[in-house]
C-alpha atoms as a PDB file:
ATOM      1  CA  MET A   1      98.905  98.925-124.307  1.00  0.00           C
ATOM      2  CA  GLU A   2      97.031  96.358-122.251  1.00  0.00           C
ATOM      3  CA  ARG A   3     100.394  94.890-121.280  1.00  0.00           C
ATOM      4  CA  VAL A   4     101.886  98.306-120.513  1.00  0.00           C
ATOM      5  CA  THR A   5     102.276  99.206-116.887  1.00  0.00           C
ATOM      6  CA  THR A   6     104.084 101.987-115.109  1.00  0.00           C
ATOM      7  CA  GLU A   7     105.355 102.147-111.580  1.00  0.00           C
ATOM      8  CA  ARG A   8     101.854 102.927-110.295  1.00  0.00           C
ATOM      9  CA  LEU A   9      99.445 102.453-113.205  1.00  0.00           C
ATOM     10  CA  GLY A  10      97.948  99.791-115.425  1.00  0.00           C
ATOM     11  CA  PHE A  11      95.727 100.107-118.500  1.00  0.00           C
ATOM     12  CA  ARG A  12      92.937  98.088-120.084  1.00  0.00           C
ATOM     13  CA  PRO A  13      90.012  98.674-122.425  1.00  0.00           C
ATOM     14  CA  PRO A  14      86.759  99.574-120.656  1.00  0.00           C
ATOM     15  CA  GLU A  15      84.138  96.836-120.367  1.00  0.00           C
ATOM     16  CA  PRO A  16      80.383  96.996-119.794  1.00  0.00           C
ATOM     17  CA  ALA A  17      80.910  96.103-116.130  1.00  0.00           C
ATOM     18  CA  ASP A  18      82.880  99.364-115.706  1.00  0.00           C
ATOM     19  CA  GLY A  19      79.843 101.584-116.271  1.00  0.00           C
ATOM     20  CA  ASP A  20      79.053 102.237-112.615  1.00  0.00           C
ATOM     21  CA  ALA A  21      82.678 103.078-111.789  1.00  0.00           C
ATOM     22  CA  LEU A  22      83.016 105.417-114.789  1.00  0.00           C
ATOM     23  CA  PHE A  23      79.766 107.144-113.935  1.00  0.00           C
ATOM     24  CA  GLY A  24      80.841 107.581-110.323  1.00  0.00           C
ATOM     25  CA  LEU A  25      84.136 109.179-111.344  1.00  0.00           C
ATOM     26  CA  MET A  26      83.013 111.250-114.345  1.00  0.00           C
ATOM     27  CA  ASN A  27      79.867 112.694-112.795  1.00  0.00           C
ATOM     28  CA  ASP A  28      81.957 115.636-111.595  1.00  0.00           C
ATOM     29  CA  PHE A  29      81.720 119.114-113.088  1.00  0.00           C
ATOM     30  CA  GLY A  30      85.321 119.773-112.028  1.00  0.00           C
ATOM     31  CA  ILE A  31      86.372 117.279-114.719  1.00  0.00           C
ATOM     32  CA  VAL A  32      83.731 117.848-117.399  1.00  0.00           C
ATOM     33  CA  ARG A  33      84.257 121.615-117.557  1.00  0.00           C
ATOM     34  CA  TYR A  34      87.663 120.984-119.202  1.00  0.00           C
ATOM     35  CA  LEU A  35      86.373 118.477-121.776  1.00  0.00           C
ATOM     36  CA  THR A  36      84.785 119.190-125.134  1.00  0.00           C
ATOM     37  CA  SER A  37      82.655 116.127-125.817  1.00  0.00           C
ATOM     38  CA  VAL A  38      81.431 114.806-122.467  1.00  0.00           C
ATOM     39  CA  PRO A  39      77.775 115.634-121.731  1.00  0.00           C
ATOM     40  CA  TRP A  40      76.726 117.555-118.649  1.00  0.00           C
ATOM     41  CA  PRO A  41      74.979 116.565-116.542  1.00  0.00           C
ATOM     42  CA  TYR A  42      76.702 113.206-116.919  1.00  0.00           C
ATOM     43  CA  THR A  43      74.327 110.254-116.578  1.00  0.00           C
ATOM     44  CA  ARG A  44      74.786 106.534-116.090  1.00  0.00           C
ATOM     45  CA  PRO A  45      73.764 105.825-119.732  1.00  0.00           C
ATOM     46  CA  ASP A  46      76.506 108.253-120.822  1.00  0.00           C
ATOM     47  CA  ALA A  47      79.062 105.880-119.266  1.00  0.00           C
ATOM     48  CA  ASP A  48      77.623 103.016-121.335  1.00  0.00           C
ATOM     49  CA  THR A  49      77.829 105.191-124.466  1.00  0.00           C
ATOM     50  CA  TYR A  50      81.530 105.846-123.799  1.00  0.00           C
ATOM     51  CA  ILE A  51      82.207 102.136-123.288  1.00  0.00           C
ATOM     52  CA  GLU A  52      80.459 101.291-126.567  1.00  0.00           C
ATOM     53  CA  ARG A  53      82.329 104.078-128.404  1.00  0.00           C
ATOM     54  CA  ALA A  54      85.586 102.644-127.059  1.00  0.00           C
ATOM     55  CA  ARG A  55      84.650  99.150-128.284  1.00  0.00           C
ATOM     56  CA  THR A  56      83.549 100.421-131.700  1.00  0.00           C
ATOM     57  CA  GLY A  57      86.587 102.683-132.104  1.00  0.00           C
ATOM     58  CA  ARG A  58      88.886  99.768-131.389  1.00  0.00           C
ATOM     59  CA  ALA A  59      86.971  97.363-133.668  1.00  0.00           C
ATOM     60  CA  GLU A  60      87.010  99.874-136.543  1.00  0.00           C
ATOM     61  CA  LYS A  61      90.697 100.682-135.917  1.00  0.00           C
ATOM     62  CA  LYS A  62      89.869 104.347-135.332  1.00  0.00           C
ATOM     63  CA  GLY A  63      91.386 104.529-131.880  1.00  0.00           C
ATOM     64  CA  LEU A  64      92.458 102.857-128.674  1.00  0.00           C
ATOM     65  CA  TYR A  65      90.639 103.636-125.448  1.00  0.00           C
ATOM     66  CA  TYR A  66      91.850 102.645-121.992  1.00  0.00           C
ATOM     67  CA  LEU A  67      90.917 102.861-118.381  1.00  0.00           C
ATOM     68  CA  ILE A  68      93.757 104.167-116.247  1.00  0.00           C
ATOM     69  CA  LEU A  69      93.987 101.811-113.268  1.00  0.00           C
ATOM     70  CA  ASP A  70      95.715 101.879-109.925  1.00  0.00           C
ATOM     71  CA  ARG A  71      98.249  99.114-110.538  1.00  0.00           C
ATOM     72  CA  MET A  72      97.888  97.611-107.058  1.00  0.00           C
ATOM     73  CA  THR A  73      94.131  97.851-106.433  1.00  0.00           C
ATOM     74  CA  LYS A  74      92.999  97.734-110.123  1.00  0.00           C
ATOM     75  CA  GLU A  75      90.641 100.609-109.229  1.00  0.00           C
ATOM     76  CA  PRO A  76      89.769 102.840-112.231  1.00  0.00           C
ATOM     77  CA  LEU A  77      91.209 106.334-111.878  1.00  0.00           C
ATOM     78  CA  GLY A  78      90.230 107.792-115.269  1.00  0.00           C
ATOM     79  CA  THR A  79      90.605 107.185-118.995  1.00  0.00           C
ATOM     80  CA  ILE A  80      93.113 107.877-121.752  1.00  0.00           C
ATOM     81  CA  ASP A  81      92.719 107.366-125.473  1.00  0.00           C
ATOM     82  CA  LEU A  82      94.632 107.601-128.704  1.00  0.00           C
ATOM     83  CA  ARG A  83      92.510 108.415-131.777  1.00  0.00           C
ATOM     84  CA  PHE A  84      94.075 107.864-135.178  1.00  0.00           C
ATOM     85  CA  ASP A  85      94.396 110.633-137.765  1.00  0.00           C
ATOM     86  CA  PRO A  86      95.731 110.267-141.322  1.00  0.00           C
ATOM     87  CA  GLU A  87      99.420 109.876-142.117  1.00  0.00           C
ATOM     88  CA  GLU A  88     100.609 107.956-139.039  1.00  0.00           C
ATOM     89  CA  THR A  89      99.385 110.673-136.695  1.00  0.00           C
ATOM     90  CA  ALA A  90      97.109 110.431-133.667  1.00  0.00           C
ATOM     91  CA  HIS A  91      95.648 112.685-130.999  1.00  0.00           C
ATOM     92  CA  PHE A  92      94.998 111.860-127.383  1.00  0.00           C
ATOM     93  CA  GLY A  93      92.618 112.767-124.606  1.00  0.00           C
ATOM     94  CA  TYR A  94      92.588 111.917-120.932  1.00  0.00           C
ATOM     95  CA  TRP A  95      90.920 112.704-117.652  1.00  0.00           C
ATOM     96  CA  LEU A  96      91.463 111.617-114.072  1.00  0.00           C
ATOM     97  CA  ALA A  97      89.135 111.556-111.081  1.00  0.00           C
ATOM     98  CA  THR A  98      89.516 114.695-108.993  1.00  0.00           C
ATOM     99  CA  HIS A  99      90.465 112.721-105.877  1.00  0.00           C
ATOM    100  CA  VAL A 100      93.759 111.708-107.551  1.00  0.00           C
ATOM    101  CA  TRP A 101      94.698 115.080-109.050  1.00  0.00           C
ATOM    102  CA  GLY A 102      98.131 116.383-108.135  1.00  0.00           C
ATOM    103  CA  ARG A 103      99.798 112.986-107.731  1.00  0.00           C
ATOM    104  CA  GLY A 104     101.567 112.817-111.109  1.00  0.00           C
ATOM    105  CA  TYR A 105      99.253 110.138-112.520  1.00  0.00           C
ATOM    106  CA  ALA A 106      98.371 112.167-115.629  1.00  0.00           C
ATOM    107  CA  SER A 107     102.045 112.647-116.550  1.00  0.00           C
ATOM    108  CA  GLU A 108     102.743 108.978-115.906  1.00  0.00           C
ATOM    109  CA  ALA A 109      99.787 107.829-118.026  1.00  0.00           C
ATOM    110  CA  LEU A 110     100.510 110.227-120.888  1.00  0.00           C
ATOM    111  CA  ALA A 111     104.193 109.260-120.977  1.00  0.00           C
ATOM    112  CA  ALA A 112     103.191 105.589-121.235  1.00  0.00           C
ATOM    113  CA  LEU A 113     100.716 106.375-124.039  1.00  0.00           C
ATOM    114  CA  LEU A 114     103.293 108.399-125.979  1.00  0.00           C
ATOM    115  CA  ASP A 115     105.948 105.704-125.591  1.00  0.00           C
ATOM    116  CA  PHE A 116     103.430 103.097-126.763  1.00  0.00           C
ATOM    117  CA  GLY A 117     102.311 105.243-129.721  1.00  0.00           C
ATOM    118  CA  PHE A 118     105.824 105.948-130.967  1.00  0.00           C
ATOM    119  CA  GLY A 119     107.630 102.806-129.815  1.00  0.00           C
ATOM    120  CA  SER A 120     105.023 100.123-130.519  1.00  0.00           C
ATOM    121  CA  LEU A 121     102.646 101.632-133.080  1.00  0.00           C
ATOM    122  CA  GLY A 122     105.257 103.539-135.082  1.00  0.00           C
ATOM    123  CA  LEU A 123     103.331 106.806-135.147  1.00  0.00           C
ATOM    124  CA  ARG A 124     105.112 109.847-136.583  1.00  0.00           C
ATOM    125  CA  ARG A 125     103.267 112.556-134.630  1.00  0.00           C
ATOM    126  CA  ILE A 126     101.004 112.641-131.585  1.00  0.00           C
ATOM    127  CA  TRP A 127      99.136 115.714-130.439  1.00  0.00           C
ATOM    128  CA  GLY A 128      96.705 116.857-127.780  1.00  0.00           C
ATOM    129  CA  ALA A 129      95.014 120.056-126.640  1.00  0.00           C
ATOM    130  CA  ALA A 130      93.899 121.752-123.452  1.00  0.00           C
ATOM    131  CA  MET A 131      91.881 124.795-122.561  1.00  0.00           C
ATOM    132  CA  PRO A 132      94.055 127.760-121.621  1.00  0.00           C
ATOM    133  CA  ASP A 133      92.447 127.849-118.159  1.00  0.00           C
ATOM    134  CA  ASN A 134      93.602 124.275-117.458  1.00  0.00           C
ATOM    135  CA  PRO A 135      97.247 124.886-116.504  1.00  0.00           C
ATOM    136  CA  ALA A 136      97.612 121.440-114.917  1.00  0.00           C
ATOM    137  CA  SER A 137      96.892 119.674-118.211  1.00  0.00           C
ATOM    138  CA  ILE A 138      99.148 122.072-120.089  1.00  0.00           C
ATOM    139  CA  ARG A 139     101.949 121.306-117.640  1.00  0.00           C
ATOM    140  CA  VAL A 140     101.413 117.541-118.056  1.00  0.00           C
ATOM    141  CA  MET A 141     101.906 117.824-121.814  1.00  0.00           C
ATOM    142  CA  GLU A 142     104.968 120.052-121.443  1.00  0.00           C
ATOM    143  CA  LYS A 143     106.540 117.674-118.906  1.00  0.00           C
ATOM    144  CA  CYS A 144     106.107 114.814-121.382  1.00  0.00           C
ATOM    145  CA  GLY A 145     107.939 116.710-124.118  1.00  0.00           C
ATOM    146  CA  LEU A 146     105.060 118.111-126.165  1.00  0.00           C
ATOM    147  CA  ALA A 147     105.529 121.631-127.538  1.00  0.00           C
ATOM    148  CA  ARG A 148     102.926 124.319-128.173  1.00  0.00           C
ATOM    149  CA  ALA A 149     101.807 124.115-131.773  1.00  0.00           C
ATOM    150  CA  GLY A 150      99.125 126.810-131.852  1.00  0.00           C
ATOM    151  CA  THR A 151      95.565 127.537-130.857  1.00  0.00           C
ATOM    152  CA  MET A 152      92.433 125.989-132.265  1.00  0.00           C
ATOM    153  CA  ARG A 153      88.727 126.762-131.851  1.00  0.00           C
ATOM    154  CA  VAL A 154      86.662 123.729-130.838  1.00  0.00           C
ATOM    155  CA  LYS A 155      82.895 123.259-130.589  1.00  0.00           C
ATOM    156  CA  ARG A 156      81.729 122.016-127.227  1.00  0.00           C
ATOM    157  CA  PRO A 157      78.344 120.353-127.804  1.00  0.00           C
ATOM    158  CA  ASN A 158      78.065 119.531-124.113  1.00  0.00           C
ATOM    159  CA  PHE A 159      77.761 123.257-123.334  1.00  0.00           C
ATOM    160  CA  GLY A 160      76.545 124.573-126.695  1.00  0.00           C
ATOM    161  CA  ASP A 161      79.522 126.867-127.189  1.00  0.00           C
ATOM    162  CA  GLU A 162      83.005 127.051-128.679  1.00  0.00           C
ATOM    163  CA  VAL A 163      86.281 127.324-126.783  1.00  0.00           C
ATOM    164  CA  ASP A 164      89.888 128.025-127.609  1.00  0.00           C
ATOM    165  CA  MET A 165      92.246 125.120-127.078  1.00  0.00           C
ATOM    166  CA  VAL A 166      96.030 125.268-126.931  1.00  0.00           C
ATOM    167  CA  GLN A 167      97.417 122.502-129.141  1.00  0.00           C
ATOM    168  CA  PHE A 168     100.609 120.620-128.251  1.00  0.00           C
ATOM    169  CA  ASP A 169     102.423 118.020-130.292  1.00  0.00           C
ATOM    170  CA  LEU A 170     105.396 115.717-130.285  1.00  0.00           C
ATOM    171  CA  SER A 171     107.047 114.214-133.349  1.00  0.00           C
ATOM    172  CA  LEU A 172     108.768 110.871-133.571  1.00  0.00           C
ATOM    173  CA  SER A 173     112.110 112.658-133.924  1.00  0.00           C
ATOM    174  CA  GLY A 174     111.348 114.769-130.845  1.00  0.00           C
ATOM    175  CA  TRP A 175     110.513 111.626-128.901  1.00  0.00           C
ATOM    176  CA  GLN A 176     113.711 109.970-130.117  1.00  0.00           C
ATOM    177  CA  ALA A 177     115.714 113.071-129.095  1.00  0.00           C
ATOM    178  CA  ARG A 178     114.392 112.504-125.558  1.00  0.00           C
ATOM    179  CA  GLY A 179     116.001 109.069-125.649  1.00  0.00           C
ATOM    180  CA  GLY A 180     112.902 107.264-126.897  1.00  0.00           C
ATOM    181  CA  THR A 181     110.917 108.109-123.814  1.00  0.00           C
ATOM    182  CA  ALA A 182     108.296 110.639-122.806  1.00  0.00           C
ATOM    183  CA  LYS A 183     108.924 110.206-119.086  1.00  0.00           C
ATOM    184  CA  PRO A 184     108.600 113.604-117.437  1.00  0.00           C
ATOM    185  CA  ALA A 185     111.892 115.431-117.128  1.00  0.00           C
END
């Protein structure tokens, strides 16, 4: 996906030099409250841990982790990842800095990830989940063609609790029925 770009976005794996930028963006409770595995309070070493997890996940072929970049300025705007499950299936996660919310970047990034997962990696199913009180993320998944698949209970170690998550998924045949694209309708 490193060669994938959209009209406004680029993607690349995070590097150690990105730690300060990731910390500056992620150290925001408005983002972390919707995530299940990001610690709060978020510290600078937590950014380094994410970068190492991304490197290890890629090296062990467990997943692909990317910074979402402004295509023109190369400024990091957030992250998106695709973690591999058995049987040609994967699940994704993403977040964007609050200062770019509402601009369509999440839909654009997710559509690119879905197209890459189905078109280049040959996955058969890709799924994601969002908390019910995160309607923006739910709308992003719906716009990209994912359908509600149920509810799941997820532990949130960062807050020491469990939350319900609404699961959405898209099959290869569903993606093909959209013309081989997940671009928002």
